[in-house]
Amino acid sequence: MNRDLPDTTAQIFNKKERNLLIFTGLSHAICDAWHLIYPALLFLIAVDYNDFFFLGLIANIMIIFRGFAGVASGILADKYSSKLIYSGFAVLSALGCFLVYFSSNQIMLVCSFAVLGMGTGIYHPVGLSSITRFVKSKTRALGLHESAGCIGMGLIPILLTSIGLSFGWRYAFLTAGFISLIPLLLIPIIDEQYDKFQIPNANNQKISQQIKSVIKTFGDPLVLLTYAILIIGEASATGLDTFMPIAVAEIGGLKEGKVIGLSLTGLFVSLMVLAGVPGSIYGGILGSKIGIYKSLNLILAIQIPILILITITSGVWLLVLAPFVRLLTNMRSPLTNALISENIPLEMHGKGFAIMYGIAPIIGGLVALLGGAIAKFYGLNWVFPVIAILIALSFPMIKASSRLSELKENKETTL
């Protein structure tokens, strides 16, 4: 099996697949937008809570709870109804946003963001595992799914930051709470056949047995390295999502400016995120041409120097570099999702994505906490070299994983 060949499945979705992609696309757009909602509004929240360490702590707690929810979601997605899990995503996300709106002190604010983190953490493992299991044309489906997330992250923050500037950041979260409930209206369009993946003997397995089955996969070096690459990639992306918007506002100099009634910071962050759409598409194309592992190495080799360069950058130059950072980050996404699809057994896809979107955000939360401390004592610019160092840890893992993948492929060919 050649893991670097493009998907040759017929590029046509049937009605059931289209309905699933409509629901997951909308849900992904909302979920990814909520990953950015706190960073996008951070420059306004900082007016009321002028303490980068405290604000970094909030980001850390939010991301850690997102990670715990992701682990639980992935385990449950291999056994229980996807529709029920999707409902949990919508309800908890809405509840978290409403609690942020009503928060009156720091403790309540922290708890509110923890609930919001739990809600947003639920979606990715169940949504992605549904696509990789039920849609035949996985490559095209994952590309559309990723693009929907970019569009959500690109457009919704414009609305919310503009509301925040005009009425206050709490009203932005109130609006977000109502938007969070929209997926509940579309759950009925998911076909019952796509609601629950049937795994032999899965219904007889206890959760503890399923967790043990995940631990057993760690005995496969290729699987273990795949998890490590995914975790580092997602953790670094989480750190960038947390600090790049406020860097645009503070270092880039956009701050609280407006144009035609819209927040300049929100507008630029939205355009920056939309720059990731062609990145998602071209990342998949590059992977099909030169291979997944070579593509990852190339992308990281370009991204790391840019992150280091931001250390000595300010004003317009930061605004020039920021979209390229986003473009390169999005180029990695279809490649890492492809690693899950190829290197992790089909019946383990939910748990595989749980590790990617569960453990990775927890590490990303630590990056946010460390970044908050660095920003407080040394300045925002110095957060980005730390993320560059984290990304650089992937190089030896990618090299080792590539070799193991080749050995496994050669072994399968000779059998």
Protein backbone atom coordinates (compact mmCIF):
# COMPACT_ATOMS: atom_id res chain seq x y z
CA MET A 1 0.00 0.00 0.00
CA ASN A 2 1.41 3.39 -1.00
CA ARG A 3 0.36 5.90 1.60
CA ASP A 4 1.50 8.83 -0.51
CA LEU A 5 -0.71 8.14 -3.53
CA PRO A 6 -3.74 10.39 -4.08
CA ASP A 7 -7.22 9.04 -3.39
CA THR A 8 -8.52 7.24 -6.49
CA THR A 9 -12.04 6.69 -5.18
CA ALA A 10 -14.79 8.16 -7.38
CA GLN A 11 -15.06 11.83 -6.42
CA ILE A 12 -18.84 11.85 -6.10
CA PHE A 13 -20.78 11.95 -2.84
CA ASN A 14 -24.13 10.23 -2.52
CA LYS A 15 -27.03 11.92 -0.73
CA LYS A 16 -26.22 10.38 2.65
CA GLU A 17 -22.60 11.46 2.36
CA ARG A 18 -23.60 14.98 1.28
CA ASN A 19 -25.89 15.36 4.27
CA LEU A 20 -23.14 14.17 6.60
CA LEU A 21 -20.67 16.62 5.03
CA ILE A 22 -23.18 19.50 5.28
CA PHE A 23 -23.63 18.83 8.99
CA THR A 24 -19.95 18.23 9.77
CA GLY A 25 -18.91 21.22 7.64
CA LEU A 26 -21.22 23.60 9.51
CA SER A 27 -20.28 22.11 12.88
CA HIS A 28 -16.59 22.32 12.04
CA ALA A 29 -16.96 25.97 10.99
CA ILE A 30 -18.55 26.81 14.35
CA CYS A 31 -16.18 24.66 16.40
CA ASP A 32 -13.04 26.09 14.80
CA ALA A 33 -14.40 29.63 15.12
CA TRP A 34 -14.85 29.03 18.85
CA HIS A 35 -11.24 27.88 19.09
CA LEU A 36 -10.37 31.37 17.89
CA ILE A 37 -13.05 33.32 19.76
CA TYR A 38 -10.97 33.85 22.90
CA PRO A 39 -7.75 34.85 21.10
CA ALA A 40 -9.71 37.09 18.71
CA LEU A 41 -11.35 38.98 21.59
CA LEU A 42 -8.32 38.87 23.87
CA PHE A 43 -7.29 42.45 23.08
CA LEU A 44 -10.70 43.60 24.38
CA ILE A 45 -10.80 41.22 27.37
CA ALA A 46 -7.32 42.49 28.30
CA VAL A 47 -8.82 45.96 28.87
CA ASP A 48 -10.81 44.55 31.82
CA TYR A 49 -8.20 42.00 32.93
CA ASN A 50 -4.81 43.60 32.28
CA ASP A 51 -2.73 40.57 33.26
CA PHE A 52 -1.22 38.42 30.49
CA PHE A 53 -0.42 35.62 32.93
CA PHE A 54 -4.05 35.41 34.08
CA LEU A 55 -5.26 35.58 30.49
CA GLY A 56 -2.76 32.86 29.55
CA LEU A 57 -4.07 30.78 32.46
CA ILE A 58 -7.61 31.08 31.09
CA ALA A 59 -6.42 29.94 27.68
CA ASN A 60 -4.57 27.05 29.33
CA ILE A 61 -7.61 25.87 31.30
CA MET A 62 -9.91 26.23 28.30
CA ILE A 63 -7.56 24.21 26.10
CA ILE A 64 -6.94 21.51 28.74
CA PHE A 65 -10.68 20.97 29.21
CA ARG A 66 -11.01 20.86 25.43
CA GLY A 67 -8.41 18.10 25.47
CA PHE A 68 -10.17 16.03 28.14
CA ALA A 69 -13.44 16.35 26.24
CA GLY A 70 -11.68 15.30 23.03
CA VAL A 71 -10.34 12.11 24.63
CA ALA A 72 -13.80 11.22 25.96
CA SER A 73 -15.45 12.04 22.62
CA GLY A 74 -13.06 9.83 20.66
CA ILE A 75 -13.59 6.84 22.95
CA LEU A 76 -17.36 7.28 22.89
CA ALA A 77 -17.41 7.76 19.10
CA ASP A 78 -16.18 4.18 18.63
CA LYS A 79 -19.09 2.81 20.63
CA TYR A 80 -22.08 5.16 20.95
CA SER A 81 -24.41 7.33 18.85
CA SER A 82 -22.66 10.14 17.00
CA LYS A 83 -25.84 12.22 17.03
CA LEU A 84 -25.88 12.17 20.83
CA ILE A 85 -22.25 13.27 20.95
CA TYR A 86 -22.92 16.04 18.41
CA SER A 87 -25.74 17.28 20.65
CA GLY A 88 -23.32 17.46 23.57
CA PHE A 89 -20.99 19.61 21.45
CA ALA A 90 -23.75 22.12 20.63
CA VAL A 91 -25.28 22.33 24.11
CA LEU A 92 -22.04 22.60 26.10
CA SER A 93 -20.55 25.14 23.69
CA ALA A 94 -23.67 27.30 23.98
CA LEU A 95 -23.73 26.94 27.77
CA GLY A 96 -20.08 27.99 28.03
CA CYS A 97 -20.67 31.11 25.92
CA PHE A 98 -23.73 32.10 27.97
CA LEU A 99 -21.80 31.60 31.23
CA VAL A 100 -18.99 33.85 29.97
CA TYR A 101 -21.59 36.54 29.26
CA PHE A 102 -22.96 36.31 32.80
CA SER A 103 -19.58 35.96 34.55
CA SER A 104 -19.04 38.60 37.22
CA ASN A 105 -15.62 37.70 38.65
CA GLN A 106 -12.39 35.95 37.73
CA ILE A 107 -13.34 32.56 39.18
CA MET A 108 -16.62 32.44 37.30
CA LEU A 109 -14.86 33.57 34.12
CA VAL A 110 -12.33 30.74 34.40
CA CYS A 111 -15.09 28.16 35.04
CA SER A 112 -17.11 29.49 32.11
CA PHE A 113 -14.21 29.12 29.69
CA ALA A 114 -13.62 25.61 31.04
CA VAL A 115 -17.20 24.68 30.05
CA LEU A 116 -16.72 26.30 26.63
CA GLY A 117 -13.50 24.32 26.21
CA MET A 118 -15.32 21.08 27.01
CA GLY A 119 -18.00 21.86 24.44
CA THR A 120 -15.62 22.69 21.61
CA GLY A 121 -13.42 19.69 22.43
CA ILE A 122 -16.18 17.23 21.67
CA TYR A 123 -16.55 17.82 17.94
CA HIS A 124 -13.32 16.90 16.12
CA PRO A 125 -12.86 13.22 17.10
CA VAL A 126 -16.46 12.27 16.34
CA GLY A 127 -16.77 14.44 13.22
CA LEU A 128 -13.51 13.34 11.60
CA SER A 129 -13.98 9.66 12.45
CA SER A 130 -17.45 9.79 10.86
CA ILE A 131 -15.92 11.11 7.63
CA THR A 132 -13.04 8.62 7.51
CA ARG A 133 -15.43 5.72 8.19
CA PHE A 134 -18.54 6.52 6.18
CA VAL A 135 -17.42 8.65 3.21
CA LYS A 136 -15.78 6.75 0.36
CA SER A 137 -13.90 9.71 -1.12
CA LYS A 138 -12.02 10.54 2.07
CA THR A 139 -9.39 12.87 0.62
CA ARG A 140 -11.89 15.21 -1.02
CA ALA A 141 -14.21 15.05 2.00
CA LEU A 142 -11.42 15.93 4.46
CA GLY A 143 -10.37 18.83 2.20
CA LEU A 144 -13.91 20.24 2.16
CA HIS A 145 -14.23 19.70 5.89
CA GLU A 146 -10.97 21.56 6.56
CA SER A 147 -12.01 24.40 4.23
CA ALA A 148 -15.31 24.76 6.09
CA GLY A 149 -13.39 25.15 9.34
CA CYS A 150 -11.18 27.84 7.79
CA ILE A 151 -14.21 29.72 6.47
CA GLY A 152 -15.82 29.62 9.90
CA MET A 153 -12.65 30.85 11.57
CA GLY A 154 -12.29 33.49 8.87
CA LEU A 155 -15.78 34.98 8.84
CA ILE A 156 -17.31 34.55 12.31
CA PRO A 157 -14.55 36.46 14.19
CA ILE A 158 -15.28 39.56 12.05
CA LEU A 159 -18.85 39.53 13.35
CA LEU A 160 -17.91 38.81 16.96
CA THR A 161 -15.04 41.29 17.25
CA SER A 162 -17.23 43.98 15.68
CA ILE A 163 -19.96 43.21 18.22
CA GLY A 164 -17.30 43.28 20.94
CA LEU A 165 -16.07 46.71 19.87
CA SER A 166 -19.57 48.16 19.60
CA PHE A 167 -21.30 46.59 22.62
CA GLY A 168 -18.60 44.89 24.70
CA TRP A 169 -16.85 41.52 24.48
CA ARG A 170 -19.47 39.82 26.67
CA TYR A 171 -22.14 40.46 24.03
CA ALA A 172 -19.90 38.77 21.48
CA PHE A 173 -20.04 35.62 23.60
CA LEU A 174 -23.81 35.97 24.02
CA THR A 175 -24.14 35.98 20.22
CA ALA A 176 -21.79 33.01 20.00
CA GLY A 177 -24.01 31.08 22.40
CA PHE A 178 -27.00 31.30 20.06
CA ILE A 179 -24.88 30.39 17.03
CA SER A 180 -23.65 27.30 18.92
CA LEU A 181 -27.16 25.87 18.96
CA ILE A 182 -27.53 25.84 15.14
CA PRO A 183 -26.10 22.29 14.70
CA LEU A 184 -28.97 20.93 16.82
CA LEU A 185 -31.35 21.91 14.01
CA LEU A 186 -29.38 19.90 11.42
CA ILE A 187 -28.74 16.68 13.34
CA PRO A 188 -31.88 15.01 11.82
CA ILE A 189 -30.36 15.16 8.29
CA ILE A 190 -27.69 12.61 9.30
CA ASP A 191 -28.75 9.18 8.08
CA GLU A 192 -29.21 6.53 10.78
CA GLN A 193 -26.71 4.34 8.91
CA TYR A 194 -24.03 6.94 9.62
CA ASP A 195 -24.98 7.45 13.25
CA LYS A 196 -22.97 4.61 14.77
CA PHE A 197 -19.98 2.68 13.42
CA GLN A 198 -20.45 -1.06 13.84
CA ILE A 199 -17.30 -2.69 15.24
CA PRO A 200 -17.34 -6.45 15.83
CA ASN A 201 -17.75 -7.22 19.55
CA ALA A 202 -17.54 -3.49 20.37
CA ASN A 203 -20.87 -3.49 22.13
CA ASN A 204 -19.53 -6.15 24.49
CA GLN A 205 -16.42 -4.17 25.34
CA LYS A 206 -16.27 -2.01 28.42
CA ILE A 207 -14.71 1.43 28.23
CA SER A 208 -11.75 0.13 30.25
CA GLN A 209 -11.19 -2.61 27.65
CA GLN A 210 -11.30 -0.04 24.84
CA ILE A 211 -8.72 2.10 26.65
CA LYS A 212 -6.49 -0.98 26.99
CA SER A 213 -6.84 -1.60 23.25
CA VAL A 214 -5.55 1.94 22.63
CA ILE A 215 -2.59 1.39 24.93
CA LYS A 216 -1.73 -1.83 23.06
CA THR A 217 -1.36 0.12 19.81
CA PHE A 218 1.52 2.03 21.43
CA GLY A 219 3.53 -1.15 21.00
CA ASP A 220 3.61 -0.42 17.26
CA PRO A 221 6.44 2.12 16.73
CA LEU A 222 4.77 3.51 13.58
CA VAL A 223 1.53 4.20 15.44
CA LEU A 224 3.42 5.70 18.38
CA LEU A 225 5.41 8.02 16.12
CA THR A 226 2.23 8.98 14.26
CA TYR A 227 0.62 10.04 17.54
CA ALA A 228 3.75 12.01 18.50
CA ILE A 229 3.81 13.90 15.16
CA LEU A 230 0.10 14.68 15.44
CA ILE A 231 0.37 15.86 19.03
CA ILE A 232 3.28 18.22 18.36
CA GLY A 233 1.61 19.60 15.23
CA GLU A 234 -1.73 20.23 16.91
CA ALA A 235 -0.13 21.64 20.07
CA SER A 236 1.91 24.14 18.06
CA ALA A 237 -1.20 25.13 16.07
CA THR A 238 -3.06 25.71 19.34
CA GLY A 239 -0.27 28.00 20.56
CA LEU A 240 -0.32 29.97 17.31
CA ASP A 241 -4.12 30.30 17.40
CA THR A 242 -3.89 31.66 20.94
CA PHE A 243 -1.21 34.33 20.44
CA MET A 244 -1.22 35.34 16.77
CA PRO A 245 -4.47 37.40 16.96
CA ILE A 246 -3.28 39.48 19.93
CA ALA A 247 0.13 39.83 18.24
CA VAL A 248 -1.67 41.28 15.22
CA ALA A 249 -3.48 43.75 17.47
CA GLU A 250 -0.54 44.74 19.69
CA ILE A 251 2.66 44.16 17.69
CA GLY A 252 1.00 44.76 14.33
CA GLY A 253 -0.48 48.01 15.63
CA LEU A 254 -4.14 47.43 14.62
CA LYS A 255 -5.41 47.48 18.23
CA GLU A 256 -9.04 48.71 18.50
CA GLY A 257 -9.22 50.47 15.14
CA LYS A 258 -12.30 50.24 12.92
CA VAL A 259 -13.04 50.43 9.20
CA ILE A 260 -16.64 50.78 7.93
CA GLY A 261 -17.77 49.79 11.41
CA LEU A 262 -15.74 46.56 11.48
CA SER A 263 -12.86 45.77 13.81
CA LEU A 264 -9.52 46.11 11.98
CA THR A 265 -8.02 43.37 14.15
CA GLY A 266 -11.00 41.07 13.59
CA LEU A 267 -11.00 41.79 9.86
CA PHE A 268 -7.28 41.08 9.51
CA VAL A 269 -7.45 37.90 11.62
CA SER A 270 -10.34 36.71 9.48
CA LEU A 271 -8.43 37.39 6.26
CA MET A 272 -5.38 35.70 7.77
CA VAL A 273 -7.39 32.58 8.58
CA LEU A 274 -8.99 32.57 5.13
CA ALA A 275 -5.44 32.47 3.76
CA GLY A 276 -5.38 28.97 5.22
CA VAL A 277 -8.04 27.73 2.76
CA PRO A 278 -5.64 27.44 -0.22
CA GLY A 279 -3.09 26.05 2.23
CA SER A 280 -5.43 23.18 3.11
CA ILE A 281 -6.01 22.43 -0.57
CA TYR A 282 -2.39 22.74 -1.68
CA GLY A 283 -1.14 20.72 1.31
CA GLY A 284 -3.08 17.73 0.02
CA ILE A 285 -1.84 18.29 -3.55
CA LEU A 286 1.77 18.56 -2.38
CA GLY A 287 1.40 15.37 -0.35
CA SER A 288 0.13 13.46 -3.38
CA LYS A 289 3.05 14.68 -5.50
CA ILE A 290 6.11 14.31 -3.27
CA GLY A 291 4.75 12.25 -0.37
CA ILE A 292 3.31 12.99 3.06
CA TYR A 293 6.59 12.91 4.98
CA LYS A 294 8.61 14.97 2.51
CA SER A 295 5.79 17.52 2.43
CA LEU A 296 5.73 17.83 6.21
CA ASN A 297 9.50 18.33 6.33
CA LEU A 298 9.36 21.00 3.63
CA ILE A 299 6.51 22.92 5.28
CA LEU A 300 8.19 22.89 8.70
CA ALA A 301 11.54 23.96 7.20
CA ILE A 302 9.83 27.07 5.82
CA GLN A 303 7.62 27.83 8.83
CA ILE A 304 10.27 27.65 11.57
CA PRO A 305 12.48 30.51 10.23
CA ILE A 306 9.39 32.71 9.80
CA LEU A 307 8.41 32.17 13.45
CA ILE A 308 11.94 33.03 14.57
CA LEU A 309 11.92 36.13 12.37
CA ILE A 310 8.78 37.39 14.16
CA THR A 311 10.98 37.85 17.26
CA ILE A 312 12.55 40.95 15.69
CA THR A 313 9.49 42.04 13.73
CA SER A 314 6.82 44.68 14.38
CA GLY A 315 4.24 46.79 12.56
CA VAL A 316 3.59 46.09 8.90
CA TRP A 317 6.18 43.31 8.66
CA LEU A 318 4.31 41.23 11.25
CA LEU A 319 1.11 41.74 9.27
CA VAL A 320 2.96 40.47 6.18
CA LEU A 321 4.34 37.35 7.90
CA ALA A 322 1.21 36.34 9.86
CA PRO A 323 -0.83 35.08 6.84
CA PHE A 324 2.13 32.93 5.71
CA VAL A 325 2.32 31.34 9.16
CA ARG A 326 -1.38 30.48 8.88
CA LEU A 327 -1.02 29.21 5.31
CA LEU A 328 1.78 26.83 6.31
CA THR A 329 -0.08 25.64 9.42
CA ASN A 330 -3.11 24.74 7.30
CA MET A 331 -0.95 22.94 4.74
CA ARG A 332 -0.02 20.50 7.51
CA SER A 333 -3.61 19.64 8.43
CA PRO A 334 -4.68 17.33 5.54
CA LEU A 335 -1.29 15.61 5.78
CA THR A 336 -1.63 14.82 9.49
CA ASN A 337 -5.24 13.69 9.02
CA ALA A 338 -4.00 11.39 6.27
CA LEU A 339 -1.53 9.87 8.73
CA ILE A 340 -4.44 8.95 11.02
CA SER A 341 -6.38 7.44 8.13
CA GLU A 342 -3.42 5.38 6.90
CA ASN A 343 -1.48 4.37 10.03
CA ILE A 344 -4.29 3.84 12.56
CA PRO A 345 -6.68 0.82 12.25
CA LEU A 346 -10.18 1.73 11.02
CA GLU A 347 -11.90 0.60 14.22
CA MET A 348 -9.54 2.90 16.17
CA HIS A 349 -10.13 6.11 14.21
CA GLY A 350 -12.24 7.69 16.95
CA LYS A 351 -9.58 6.98 19.56
CA GLY A 352 -6.85 8.07 17.13
CA PHE A 353 -8.47 11.45 16.63
CA ALA A 354 -9.11 11.55 20.39
CA ILE A 355 -5.37 11.40 20.97
CA MET A 356 -4.75 14.04 18.31
CA TYR A 357 -7.44 16.44 19.55
CA GLY A 358 -7.31 15.34 23.19
CA ILE A 359 -3.73 15.10 24.36
CA ALA A 360 -2.43 17.67 21.85
CA PRO A 361 -4.58 20.55 23.15
CA ILE A 362 -3.46 19.74 26.71
CA ILE A 363 0.16 20.22 25.61
CA GLY A 364 -1.01 23.24 23.63
CA GLY A 365 -2.52 24.56 26.84
CA LEU A 366 0.86 24.32 28.53
CA VAL A 367 2.30 26.22 25.56
CA ALA A 368 -0.36 28.90 26.12
CA LEU A 369 0.47 29.09 29.83
CA LEU A 370 4.21 29.30 29.11
CA GLY A 371 3.52 31.80 26.34
CA GLY A 372 1.49 33.96 28.72
CA ALA A 373 4.40 34.05 31.17
CA ILE A 374 6.90 34.82 28.38
CA ALA A 375 4.65 37.58 27.02
CA LYS A 376 4.33 39.12 30.48
CA PHE A 377 8.06 39.18 31.30
CA TYR A 378 9.75 39.37 27.88
CA GLY A 379 7.10 40.52 25.39
CA LEU A 380 4.78 38.86 22.87
CA ASN A 381 7.46 38.55 20.18
CA TRP A 382 9.35 35.91 22.19
CA VAL A 383 6.38 33.52 22.30
CA PHE A 384 6.87 32.51 18.66
CA PRO A 385 10.46 31.17 18.87
CA VAL A 386 9.27 28.84 21.65
CA ILE A 387 6.61 27.48 19.29
CA ALA A 388 9.28 27.12 16.60
CA ILE A 389 11.37 24.97 18.94
CA LEU A 390 8.33 22.76 19.65
CA ILE A 391 7.71 22.30 15.91
CA ALA A 392 11.39 21.43 15.32
CA LEU A 393 10.99 18.37 17.56
CA SER A 394 8.95 16.81 14.75
CA PHE A 395 11.87 16.42 12.33
CA PRO A 396 13.46 13.25 13.79
CA MET A 397 10.02 11.71 14.35
CA ILE A 398 8.96 12.34 10.74
CA LYS A 399 12.22 10.77 9.52
CA ALA A 400 11.80 7.66 11.68
CA SER A 401 8.10 7.34 10.80
CA SER A 402 8.89 7.58 7.09
CA ARG A 403 11.39 4.72 7.34
CA LEU A 404 8.98 2.51 9.29
CA SER A 405 6.21 3.26 6.79
CA GLU A 406 8.48 2.17 3.92
CA LEU A 407 9.44 -1.04 5.74
CA LYS A 408 5.79 -1.83 6.44
CA GLU A 409 4.84 -1.13 2.83
CA ASN A 410 7.62 -3.38 1.53
CA LYS A 411 6.58 -6.16 3.91
CA GLU A 412 2.95 -5.94 2.75
CA THR A 413 4.08 -6.02 -0.87
CA THR A 414 6.10 -9.22 -0.41
CA LEU A 415 3.24 -11.05 1.36
